[in-house]
Amino acid sequence: MPAPIWIQNIMPALLRPSLLLLTSVYHFFMTILEVIFVELNPWLLFDLTKLRYKSFARLWRKNGEEMSIEMPGPLTELLSACEGVVLDIGPGSGEIISRFNATKITAMYGAEPAEDLHKGLIKNAIKHGLEKKYEPLLCGAEPESLIPALHKSGILMIEGRSGLASDGVFDEICCVRVLCGVPHAQETINGLYNLLKPGGRMVICEHTVNPWRTEGRILARLMQFVYTLLGWPFFMGGCELQRHTVDHLRQAGEWEKFDLRYYAPRDVIPFVVGELIKPGRDSAGQDKWKVVS
């Protein structure tokens, strides 16, 4: 007797993330073996943060390209429109660099904390015409990590003095599948807002807590909790399935345009994709505050 139609339709969507979780568990234990028997550095096992970074980097090197082929919503169009000075948060090994238009970009900075991914990141930047424009930064998105790295790169230097993050230095900031894993999310997103120039744009493609009260599904929300208990954040480099990213973005500051839409909202891993534009300045240099939801 065949299973009811609703089970046939819903169960694969609910269980699909388990394949990625199992894959990440495999790479974690393979990383442990490599650290002990290949790198001959068993002391690294006592540095759990670095070990998890290495494990996630291994997962991404093996699967990142395949995981980046199909992206939700109009992400390619949004990224191809990026221009000027761009900050790419968590670029991994550069699988989405091909979606940018190199001719529109003046300079691009990639904030990637997993050092093992930098080799691939540089390779992809060269491959897609950004060789002299792309600078990888060994840091995360959180202010205590990102701001010193930007100072070191020289971009926060203004006429011989250290520029403040609140001055705004980037025309575009791209967050693609990264805000789910940043520490203290609200503070981190607030810091990114400050780094954005008046009139600057933030491109968003992030998975979030399931919106089960509106257009989501309560079973998918429940499975987010189950996967979290099974160790998803630990094995997936700090990735959180239950993060209220949309709320954090709204609360980061005033927005002239706030255009985010859900894709696959009834799945365990629903995405929001779109763009946010910071209010610009009028001819008198005053901020023009207008929020469009």
Protein backbone atom coordinates (compact mmCIF):
# COMPACT_ATOMS: atom_id res chain seq x y z
CA MET A 1 0.00 0.00 0.00
CA PRO A 2 1.61 3.30 -1.06
CA ALA A 3 2.19 6.04 1.52
CA PRO A 4 -0.28 8.92 1.55
CA ILE A 5 0.46 11.65 -0.97
CA TRP A 6 1.25 14.23 1.74
CA ILE A 7 3.94 11.96 3.17
CA GLN A 8 5.42 11.37 -0.29
CA ASN A 9 5.57 15.12 -0.89
CA ILE A 10 6.65 16.38 2.53
CA MET A 11 9.03 13.76 3.94
CA PRO A 12 11.79 14.15 1.32
CA ALA A 13 11.89 17.91 1.98
CA LEU A 14 12.03 17.34 5.74
CA LEU A 15 14.77 14.73 5.56
CA ARG A 16 16.93 16.23 2.78
CA PRO A 17 19.13 18.24 5.21
CA SER A 18 20.10 14.97 6.94
CA LEU A 19 22.26 14.08 3.92
CA LEU A 20 24.27 17.28 4.35
CA LEU A 21 24.53 16.73 8.10
CA LEU A 22 25.84 13.19 7.62
CA THR A 23 28.31 14.44 5.02
CA SER A 24 29.59 17.09 7.41
CA VAL A 25 29.98 14.50 10.20
CA TYR A 26 32.04 12.35 7.81
CA HIS A 27 34.34 15.27 6.95
CA PHE A 28 34.76 16.15 10.63
CA PHE A 29 36.10 12.69 11.44
CA MET A 30 38.21 12.61 8.28
CA THR A 31 39.71 15.92 9.37
CA ILE A 32 40.63 14.40 12.73
CA LEU A 33 42.41 11.53 10.97
CA GLU A 34 44.26 13.92 8.66
CA VAL A 35 45.39 16.08 11.57
CA ILE A 36 46.75 13.04 13.43
CA PHE A 37 48.22 10.88 10.67
CA VAL A 38 48.93 13.26 7.75
CA GLU A 39 49.73 16.61 9.35
CA LEU A 40 51.18 14.91 12.45
CA ASN A 41 49.70 17.66 14.59
CA PRO A 42 47.51 15.96 17.22
CA TRP A 43 47.70 19.06 19.42
CA LEU A 44 45.23 20.72 17.06
CA LEU A 45 42.57 18.41 18.46
CA PHE A 46 42.62 20.58 21.58
CA ASP A 47 41.75 23.69 19.54
CA LEU A 48 38.15 22.90 18.71
CA THR A 49 37.54 26.17 16.88
CA LYS A 50 40.38 25.63 14.40
CA LEU A 51 39.43 21.97 14.03
CA ARG A 52 35.86 22.89 13.11
CA TYR A 53 37.11 25.49 10.61
CA LYS A 54 39.33 22.86 8.99
CA SER A 55 36.48 20.38 8.92
CA PHE A 56 34.08 22.86 7.31
CA ALA A 57 36.77 23.92 4.84
CA ARG A 58 37.23 20.27 3.88
CA LEU A 59 33.47 19.88 3.41
CA TRP A 60 33.36 23.01 1.26
CA ARG A 61 36.36 22.08 -0.89
CA LYS A 62 34.75 18.74 -1.70
CA ASN A 63 31.14 19.89 -2.10
CA GLY A 64 31.03 23.70 -2.32
CA GLU A 65 30.99 23.91 -6.10
CA GLU A 66 28.12 21.44 -6.40
CA MET A 67 26.21 23.20 -3.60
CA SER A 68 26.54 26.52 -5.44
CA ILE A 69 25.20 25.51 -8.85
CA GLU A 70 21.56 26.20 -8.06
CA MET A 71 20.95 29.28 -5.93
CA PRO A 72 17.51 30.58 -4.88
CA GLY A 73 15.78 33.59 -6.34
CA PRO A 74 17.34 36.34 -8.48
CA LEU A 75 20.75 36.06 -6.81
CA THR A 76 22.75 36.06 -10.04
CA GLU A 77 21.06 39.25 -11.23
CA LEU A 78 21.65 40.94 -7.88
CA LEU A 79 25.33 40.01 -7.77
CA SER A 80 26.00 40.90 -11.40
CA ALA A 81 24.77 44.43 -10.67
CA CYS A 82 27.38 44.99 -7.92
CA GLU A 83 29.74 47.85 -8.64
CA GLY A 84 32.39 50.01 -7.01
CA VAL A 85 34.05 48.82 -3.80
CA VAL A 86 32.54 45.52 -2.68
CA LEU A 87 32.78 43.53 0.57
CA ASP A 88 32.02 39.83 0.15
CA ILE A 89 31.29 38.19 3.49
CA GLY A 90 32.21 34.51 3.80
CA PRO A 91 33.07 33.80 0.14
CA GLY A 92 34.38 30.31 0.91
CA SER A 93 36.62 29.25 -1.95
CA GLY A 94 34.95 31.64 -4.38
CA GLU A 95 32.23 29.51 -5.96
CA ILE A 96 29.96 32.51 -6.58
CA ILE A 97 32.65 34.88 -7.92
CA SER A 98 31.61 33.97 -11.47
CA ARG A 99 28.26 35.69 -10.83
CA PHE A 100 29.89 39.13 -10.44
CA ASN A 101 30.67 41.44 -13.36
CA ALA A 102 34.39 42.17 -12.94
CA THR A 103 34.21 45.23 -15.21
CA LYS A 104 31.88 47.01 -12.76
CA ILE A 105 34.01 46.37 -9.69
CA THR A 106 36.75 48.76 -8.56
CA ALA A 107 37.97 46.67 -5.63
CA MET A 108 36.65 43.62 -3.81
CA TYR A 109 37.44 42.30 -0.33
CA GLY A 110 36.57 38.75 0.73
CA ALA A 111 36.24 38.20 4.49
CA GLU A 112 36.87 34.47 4.89
CA PRO A 113 37.94 33.05 8.31
CA ALA A 114 38.78 29.54 7.00
CA GLU A 115 42.39 29.89 5.86
CA ASP A 116 42.27 26.53 4.06
CA LEU A 117 39.79 28.06 1.58
CA HIS A 118 41.93 31.05 0.58
CA LYS A 119 43.88 29.16 -2.07
CA GLY A 120 40.69 28.32 -3.96
CA LEU A 121 39.34 31.83 -3.38
CA ILE A 122 42.37 33.45 -5.01
CA LYS A 123 42.27 30.93 -7.86
CA ASN A 124 38.63 31.75 -8.64
CA ALA A 125 39.25 35.50 -8.39
CA ILE A 126 42.01 35.20 -11.01
CA LYS A 127 39.89 32.91 -13.18
CA HIS A 128 37.04 35.41 -13.35
CA GLY A 129 39.00 38.60 -14.03
CA LEU A 130 39.42 39.95 -10.50
CA GLU A 131 43.11 39.13 -10.05
CA LYS A 132 44.23 42.72 -9.34
CA LYS A 133 41.00 43.78 -7.69
CA TYR A 134 40.36 41.01 -5.16
CA GLU A 135 41.92 40.92 -1.69
CA PRO A 136 41.11 37.99 0.62
CA LEU A 137 40.97 38.84 4.32
CA LEU A 138 41.61 36.24 7.01
CA CYS A 139 38.75 37.25 9.28
CA GLY A 140 35.09 36.78 10.03
CA ALA A 141 32.21 39.24 9.73
CA GLU A 142 32.10 40.14 13.42
CA PRO A 143 33.49 43.66 14.12
CA GLU A 144 36.31 42.51 16.41
CA SER A 145 37.65 40.38 13.56
CA LEU A 146 36.61 42.31 10.44
CA ILE A 147 37.53 45.88 11.44
CA PRO A 148 41.20 45.12 12.28
CA ALA A 149 41.53 43.19 9.00
CA LEU A 150 40.11 46.12 7.05
CA HIS A 151 42.46 48.52 8.83
CA LYS A 152 45.37 46.26 7.96
CA SER A 153 44.30 46.24 4.32
CA GLY A 154 44.34 50.04 4.32
CA ILE A 155 40.75 50.61 3.21
CA LEU A 156 39.75 52.24 6.50
CA MET A 157 42.54 54.81 6.26
CA ILE A 158 41.16 58.25 5.39
CA GLU A 159 43.61 61.06 4.63
CA GLY A 160 46.25 59.64 6.89
CA ARG A 161 43.96 58.88 9.81
CA SER A 162 42.11 55.77 10.79
CA GLY A 163 38.60 55.86 9.44
CA LEU A 164 35.68 54.83 11.61
CA ALA A 165 33.40 52.00 10.55
CA SER A 166 30.48 54.43 10.83
CA ASP A 167 31.99 56.52 8.00
CA GLY A 168 30.91 53.84 5.52
CA VAL A 169 33.45 52.60 3.01
CA PHE A 170 31.67 50.03 0.80
CA ASP A 171 29.32 50.58 -2.11
CA GLU A 172 28.08 47.01 -1.85
CA ILE A 173 28.15 44.32 0.84
CA CYS A 174 27.25 40.76 -0.21
CA CYS A 175 26.04 38.20 2.32
CA VAL A 176 25.47 34.82 0.69
CA ARG A 177 24.82 31.90 3.05
CA VAL A 178 26.96 33.38 5.79
CA LEU A 179 24.87 35.30 8.35
CA CYS A 180 23.56 31.97 9.65
CA GLY A 181 26.99 31.31 11.14
CA VAL A 182 28.30 34.67 12.37
CA PRO A 183 28.65 35.10 16.14
CA HIS A 184 26.34 37.54 18.00
CA ALA A 185 24.33 38.16 14.85
CA GLN A 186 22.72 41.51 15.69
CA GLU A 187 26.00 43.18 16.61
CA THR A 188 27.69 41.75 13.53
CA ILE A 189 24.94 42.92 11.16
CA ASN A 190 24.94 46.35 12.83
CA GLY A 191 28.66 46.55 12.07
CA LEU A 192 28.08 45.68 8.41
CA TYR A 193 25.41 48.37 8.20
CA ASN A 194 27.93 50.93 9.48
CA LEU A 195 30.45 49.86 6.85
CA LEU A 196 27.97 50.54 4.06
CA LYS A 197 28.18 53.97 2.42
CA PRO A 198 25.07 56.18 2.39
CA GLY A 199 23.08 54.97 -0.61
CA GLY A 200 25.01 51.69 -0.57
CA ARG A 201 23.40 48.32 -1.15
CA MET A 202 23.46 45.03 0.72
CA VAL A 203 22.77 41.87 -1.28
CA ILE A 204 21.23 39.08 0.80
CA CYS A 205 20.84 35.35 0.20
CA GLU A 206 20.43 33.67 3.58
CA HIS A 207 18.57 30.76 5.09
CA THR A 208 16.53 31.60 8.17
CA VAL A 209 14.22 30.26 10.82
CA ASN A 210 11.15 28.77 9.14
CA PRO A 211 8.33 31.37 8.95
CA TRP A 212 5.75 28.82 10.09
CA ARG A 213 3.34 31.44 11.43
CA THR A 214 2.84 32.95 7.97
CA GLU A 215 3.95 31.15 4.82
CA GLY A 216 6.04 28.33 6.30
CA ARG A 217 5.28 24.91 7.76
CA ILE A 218 5.27 23.92 11.42
CA LEU A 219 6.77 20.47 10.69
CA ALA A 220 9.70 22.14 8.96
CA ARG A 221 10.13 24.43 11.98
CA LEU A 222 10.13 21.38 14.25
CA MET A 223 12.77 19.66 12.11
CA GLN A 224 14.99 22.73 12.40
CA PHE A 225 14.94 22.15 16.14
CA VAL A 226 15.65 18.41 15.69
CA TYR A 227 18.63 19.00 13.39
CA THR A 228 19.99 21.55 15.85
CA LEU A 229 19.85 18.95 18.63
CA LEU A 230 21.64 16.47 16.35
CA GLY A 231 24.62 18.83 16.12
CA TRP A 232 24.02 20.88 12.97
CA PRO A 233 25.74 24.05 14.31
CA PHE A 234 28.75 22.07 15.55
CA PHE A 235 29.40 20.08 12.38
CA MET A 236 28.38 22.84 9.96
CA GLY A 237 30.88 25.49 11.05
CA GLY A 238 28.55 27.30 13.44
CA CYS A 239 25.62 27.48 11.00
CA GLU A 240 22.31 28.13 12.80
CA LEU A 241 19.05 26.86 11.31
CA GLN A 242 16.88 28.89 13.68
CA ARG A 243 18.31 32.37 13.23
CA HIS A 244 15.91 35.34 12.85
CA THR A 245 18.08 37.00 10.21
CA VAL A 246 15.30 39.12 8.69
CA ASP A 247 14.57 40.71 12.07
CA HIS A 248 18.29 41.37 12.66
CA LEU A 249 18.58 43.09 9.29
CA ARG A 250 15.53 45.27 9.94
CA GLN A 251 16.91 46.33 13.31
CA ALA A 252 20.39 47.16 11.99
CA GLY A 253 19.35 50.69 10.97
CA GLU A 254 17.17 52.71 8.64
CA TRP A 255 16.69 51.38 5.11
CA GLU A 256 15.57 53.27 2.03
CA LYS A 257 14.66 49.95 0.45
CA PHE A 258 14.05 46.67 2.24
CA ASP A 259 13.19 44.04 -0.37
CA LEU A 260 13.56 40.46 0.87
CA ARG A 261 11.43 37.54 -0.28
CA TYR A 262 11.18 33.96 0.90
CA TYR A 263 12.05 31.06 -1.38
CA ALA A 264 10.92 27.53 -0.44
CA PRO A 265 9.41 28.86 2.82
CA ARG A 266 7.87 25.48 3.64
CA ASP A 267 11.22 23.67 3.61
CA VAL A 268 13.51 23.02 6.56
CA ILE A 269 16.04 25.40 5.02
CA PRO A 270 14.04 28.34 3.62
CA PHE A 271 15.92 31.26 2.06
CA VAL A 272 15.37 34.98 1.92
CA VAL A 273 16.84 36.71 -1.13
CA GLY A 274 16.88 40.35 -2.11
CA GLU A 275 18.50 43.72 -1.61
CA LEU A 276 18.60 46.41 1.06
CA ILE A 277 19.58 49.99 0.30
CA LYS A 278 20.86 52.39 2.92
CA PRO A 279 19.46 55.94 2.79
CA GLY A 280 21.60 58.29 0.72
CA ARG A 281 22.43 61.94 1.19
CA ASP A 282 20.83 64.93 -0.46
CA SER A 283 22.77 67.82 -1.96
CA ALA A 284 23.09 69.45 1.46
CA GLY A 285 24.76 66.35 2.84
CA GLN A 286 21.82 65.40 5.05
CA ASP A 287 20.60 61.81 5.23
CA LYS A 288 17.32 61.13 3.47
CA TRP A 289 15.42 58.68 5.66
CA LYS A 290 12.72 56.69 3.95
CA VAL A 291 11.88 53.09 4.74
CA VAL A 292 10.20 50.95 2.12
CA SER A 293 9.26 47.47 3.30
